[in-house]
Amino acid sequence: MGGRRALALGLMALIFTLFVPTMGLALSVFGVIVGIRDLRTLKKGGQPTGMATGAVLISSLAFILGGVTTGVQIYLGTELTAYTECLKGAGTVTAQTECSDALKSALETKLGMPWPANMPLPG
């Protein structure tokens, strides 16, 4: 196939990592495996390995991004869930602002440092 399958898996993994990190993580593992297998096959046949190399690189990037994103979601899961539940009951802009302030306070407590002033929070 010349690395097309691996490249498609790598690109799908990268896209899925942005929306569903754990699925992107799984696809990236398959992309790396298929890419390495294609690299070996192409090298033995004396064919160009550009697509397979790109696939391994993109899949590796998706794996790293997926791992970091999943780790952050697990580490901050309680705070993010509390924020989501707070927003469900927030019917006014003031209530939504209070939810954002509560999230900021929870993140500062969890991370052990003040939230940067120039970094916006949701809401």
C-alpha atoms as a PDB file:
ATOM      1  CA  MET A   1       0.000   0.000   0.000  1.00  0.00           C
ATOM      2  CA  GLY A   2       2.981   2.312   0.277  1.00  0.00           C
ATOM      3  CA  GLY A   3       2.053   3.635   3.711  1.00  0.00           C
ATOM      4  CA  ARG A   4      -1.368   5.023   2.751  1.00  0.00           C
ATOM      5  CA  ARG A   5      -3.209   2.976   5.367  1.00  0.00           C
ATOM      6  CA  ALA A   6      -0.802   4.025   8.081  1.00  0.00           C
ATOM      7  CA  LEU A   7      -1.039   7.663   7.002  1.00  0.00           C
ATOM      8  CA  ALA A   8      -4.841   7.509   7.046  1.00  0.00           C
ATOM      9  CA  LEU A   9      -4.757   5.966  10.538  1.00  0.00           C
ATOM     10  CA  GLY A  10      -2.318   8.627  11.725  1.00  0.00           C
ATOM     11  CA  LEU A  11      -4.438  11.484  10.411  1.00  0.00           C
ATOM     12  CA  MET A  12      -7.613   9.966  11.865  1.00  0.00           C
ATOM     13  CA  ALA A  13      -5.823   9.534  15.198  1.00  0.00           C
ATOM     14  CA  LEU A  14      -4.759  13.178  15.166  1.00  0.00           C
ATOM     15  CA  ILE A  15      -8.314  14.350  14.439  1.00  0.00           C
ATOM     16  CA  PHE A  16      -9.883  12.031  17.009  1.00  0.00           C
ATOM     17  CA  THR A  17      -7.331  13.146  19.610  1.00  0.00           C
ATOM     18  CA  LEU A  18      -8.802  16.648  19.439  1.00  0.00           C
ATOM     19  CA  PHE A  19     -12.367  15.441  20.073  1.00  0.00           C
ATOM     20  CA  VAL A  20     -12.169  12.047  21.819  1.00  0.00           C
ATOM     21  CA  PRO A  21      -8.624  11.738  23.215  1.00  0.00           C
ATOM     22  CA  THR A  22      -8.836   8.105  24.299  1.00  0.00           C
ATOM     23  CA  MET A  23     -10.012   7.011  20.847  1.00  0.00           C
ATOM     24  CA  GLY A  24      -7.231   9.060  19.257  1.00  0.00           C
ATOM     25  CA  LEU A  25      -4.795   7.351  21.598  1.00  0.00           C
ATOM     26  CA  ALA A  26      -5.955   3.910  20.458  1.00  0.00           C
ATOM     27  CA  LEU A  27      -5.888   4.838  16.765  1.00  0.00           C
ATOM     28  CA  SER A  28      -2.406   6.299  17.127  1.00  0.00           C
ATOM     29  CA  VAL A  29      -1.091   2.991  18.481  1.00  0.00           C
ATOM     30  CA  PHE A  30      -2.511   1.204  15.441  1.00  0.00           C
ATOM     31  CA  GLY A  31      -1.072   3.916  13.175  1.00  0.00           C
ATOM     32  CA  VAL A  32       2.420   3.457  14.610  1.00  0.00           C
ATOM     33  CA  ILE A  33       2.222  -0.331  14.309  1.00  0.00           C
ATOM     34  CA  VAL A  34       0.972  -0.258  10.720  1.00  0.00           C
ATOM     35  CA  GLY A  35       3.465   2.499   9.821  1.00  0.00           C
ATOM     36  CA  ILE A  36       6.441   0.561  11.162  1.00  0.00           C
ATOM     37  CA  ARG A  37       5.267  -2.573   9.384  1.00  0.00           C
ATOM     38  CA  ASP A  38       4.920  -0.627   6.125  1.00  0.00           C
ATOM     39  CA  LEU A  39       8.359   0.936   6.611  1.00  0.00           C
ATOM     40  CA  ARG A  40       9.951  -2.493   6.858  1.00  0.00           C
ATOM     41  CA  THR A  41       8.073  -3.784   3.828  1.00  0.00           C
ATOM     42  CA  LEU A  42       8.928  -0.741   1.707  1.00  0.00           C
ATOM     43  CA  LYS A  43      12.606  -0.805   2.670  1.00  0.00           C
ATOM     44  CA  LYS A  44      12.869  -4.490   1.734  1.00  0.00           C
ATOM     45  CA  GLY A  45      11.278  -3.736  -1.628  1.00  0.00           C
ATOM     46  CA  GLY A  46      13.494  -0.727  -2.264  1.00  0.00           C
ATOM     47  CA  GLN A  47      10.522   1.616  -2.547  1.00  0.00           C
ATOM     48  CA  PRO A  48      10.176   5.165  -1.194  1.00  0.00           C
ATOM     49  CA  THR A  49       9.246   5.304   2.490  1.00  0.00           C
ATOM     50  CA  GLY A  50       8.023   8.902   2.750  1.00  0.00           C
ATOM     51  CA  MET A  51       4.364   8.172   3.448  1.00  0.00           C
ATOM     52  CA  ALA A  52       5.115   5.492   6.006  1.00  0.00           C
ATOM     53  CA  THR A  53       7.640   7.740   7.770  1.00  0.00           C
ATOM     54  CA  GLY A  54       5.120  10.572   7.856  1.00  0.00           C
ATOM     55  CA  ALA A  55       2.521   8.183   9.211  1.00  0.00           C
ATOM     56  CA  VAL A  56       4.774   7.098  12.064  1.00  0.00           C
ATOM     57  CA  LEU A  57       5.557  10.728  12.915  1.00  0.00           C
ATOM     58  CA  ILE A  58       1.914  11.850  12.809  1.00  0.00           C
ATOM     59  CA  SER A  59       0.773   8.816  14.794  1.00  0.00           C
ATOM     60  CA  SER A  60       3.482   9.454  17.386  1.00  0.00           C
ATOM     61  CA  LEU A  61       2.385  13.078  17.689  1.00  0.00           C
ATOM     62  CA  ALA A  62      -1.243  11.975  18.085  1.00  0.00           C
ATOM     63  CA  PHE A  63      -0.162   9.477  20.752  1.00  0.00           C
ATOM     64  CA  ILE A  64       1.658  12.154  22.747  1.00  0.00           C
ATOM     65  CA  LEU A  65      -1.210  14.651  22.441  1.00  0.00           C
ATOM     66  CA  GLY A  66      -3.766  11.983  23.314  1.00  0.00           C
ATOM     67  CA  GLY A  67      -1.776  10.865  26.339  1.00  0.00           C
ATOM     68  CA  VAL A  68      -1.341  14.401  27.654  1.00  0.00           C
ATOM     69  CA  THR A  69      -4.997  15.288  27.055  1.00  0.00           C
ATOM     70  CA  THR A  70      -6.247  12.092  28.675  1.00  0.00           C
ATOM     71  CA  GLY A  71      -3.939  12.633  31.638  1.00  0.00           C
ATOM     72  CA  VAL A  72      -5.190  16.192  32.134  1.00  0.00           C
ATOM     73  CA  GLN A  73      -8.808  15.035  31.904  1.00  0.00           C
ATOM     74  CA  ILE A  74      -8.194  12.337  34.506  1.00  0.00           C
ATOM     75  CA  TYR A  75      -6.230  14.658  36.811  1.00  0.00           C
ATOM     76  CA  LEU A  76      -8.753  17.520  36.615  1.00  0.00           C
ATOM     77  CA  GLY A  77     -11.844  15.357  36.164  1.00  0.00           C
ATOM     78  CA  THR A  78     -13.480  16.270  39.475  1.00  0.00           C
ATOM     79  CA  GLU A  79     -13.088  20.003  38.898  1.00  0.00           C
ATOM     80  CA  LEU A  80     -14.327  19.829  35.307  1.00  0.00           C
ATOM     81  CA  THR A  81     -17.339  17.726  36.324  1.00  0.00           C
ATOM     82  CA  ALA A  82     -18.230  20.198  39.080  1.00  0.00           C
ATOM     83  CA  TYR A  83     -17.979  23.044  36.567  1.00  0.00           C
ATOM     84  CA  THR A  84     -20.240  21.251  34.088  1.00  0.00           C
ATOM     85  CA  GLU A  85     -22.821  20.530  36.789  1.00  0.00           C
ATOM     86  CA  CYS A  86     -22.680  24.143  37.954  1.00  0.00           C
ATOM     87  CA  LEU A  87     -23.320  25.384  34.408  1.00  0.00           C
ATOM     88  CA  LYS A  88     -26.374  23.132  34.082  1.00  0.00           C
ATOM     89  CA  GLY A  89     -28.076  25.073  36.858  1.00  0.00           C
ATOM     90  CA  ALA A  90     -26.757  28.492  35.857  1.00  0.00           C
ATOM     91  CA  GLY A  91     -29.603  30.357  34.184  1.00  0.00           C
ATOM     92  CA  THR A  92     -28.066  33.825  34.247  1.00  0.00           C
ATOM     93  CA  VAL A  93     -24.793  35.406  33.199  1.00  0.00           C
ATOM     94  CA  THR A  94     -24.029  36.121  36.854  1.00  0.00           C
ATOM     95  CA  ALA A  95     -24.477  32.451  37.738  1.00  0.00           C
ATOM     96  CA  GLN A  96     -22.243  31.422  34.849  1.00  0.00           C
ATOM     97  CA  THR A  97     -19.586  33.865  36.066  1.00  0.00           C
ATOM     98  CA  GLU A  98     -19.832  32.336  39.530  1.00  0.00           C
ATOM     99  CA  CYS A  99     -19.282  28.890  37.980  1.00  0.00           C
ATOM    100  CA  SER A 100     -16.164  30.186  36.187  1.00  0.00           C
ATOM    101  CA  ASP A 101     -14.887  31.724  39.420  1.00  0.00           C
ATOM    102  CA  ALA A 102     -15.466  28.436  41.253  1.00  0.00           C
ATOM    103  CA  LEU A 103     -13.569  26.561  38.513  1.00  0.00           C
ATOM    104  CA  LYS A 104     -10.698  29.049  38.730  1.00  0.00           C
ATOM    105  CA  SER A 105     -10.520  28.630  42.495  1.00  0.00           C
ATOM    106  CA  ALA A 106     -10.635  24.826  42.220  1.00  0.00           C
ATOM    107  CA  LEU A 107      -7.896  24.789  39.567  1.00  0.00           C
ATOM    108  CA  GLU A 108      -5.692  27.088  41.633  1.00  0.00           C
ATOM    109  CA  THR A 109      -6.129  24.803  44.630  1.00  0.00           C
ATOM    110  CA  LYS A 110      -5.482  21.633  42.636  1.00  0.00           C
ATOM    111  CA  LEU A 111      -2.484  23.007  40.739  1.00  0.00           C
ATOM    112  CA  GLY A 112      -1.046  24.856  43.741  1.00  0.00           C
ATOM    113  CA  MET A 113      -0.434  28.109  41.862  1.00  0.00           C
ATOM    114  CA  PRO A 114      -2.440  31.173  40.877  1.00  0.00           C
ATOM    115  CA  TRP A 115      -4.240  31.172  37.536  1.00  0.00           C
ATOM    116  CA  PRO A 116      -2.423  33.426  35.021  1.00  0.00           C
ATOM    117  CA  ALA A 117      -4.237  36.750  34.599  1.00  0.00           C
ATOM    118  CA  ASN A 118      -3.965  36.748  30.806  1.00  0.00           C
ATOM    119  CA  MET A 119      -5.331  33.192  30.378  1.00  0.00           C
ATOM    120  CA  PRO A 120      -9.121  33.174  30.026  1.00  0.00           C
ATOM    121  CA  LEU A 121     -11.401  30.591  31.577  1.00  0.00           C
ATOM    122  CA  PRO A 122     -14.516  29.259  29.887  1.00  0.00           C
ATOM    123  CA  GLY A 123     -17.712  31.219  30.413  1.00  0.00           C
END
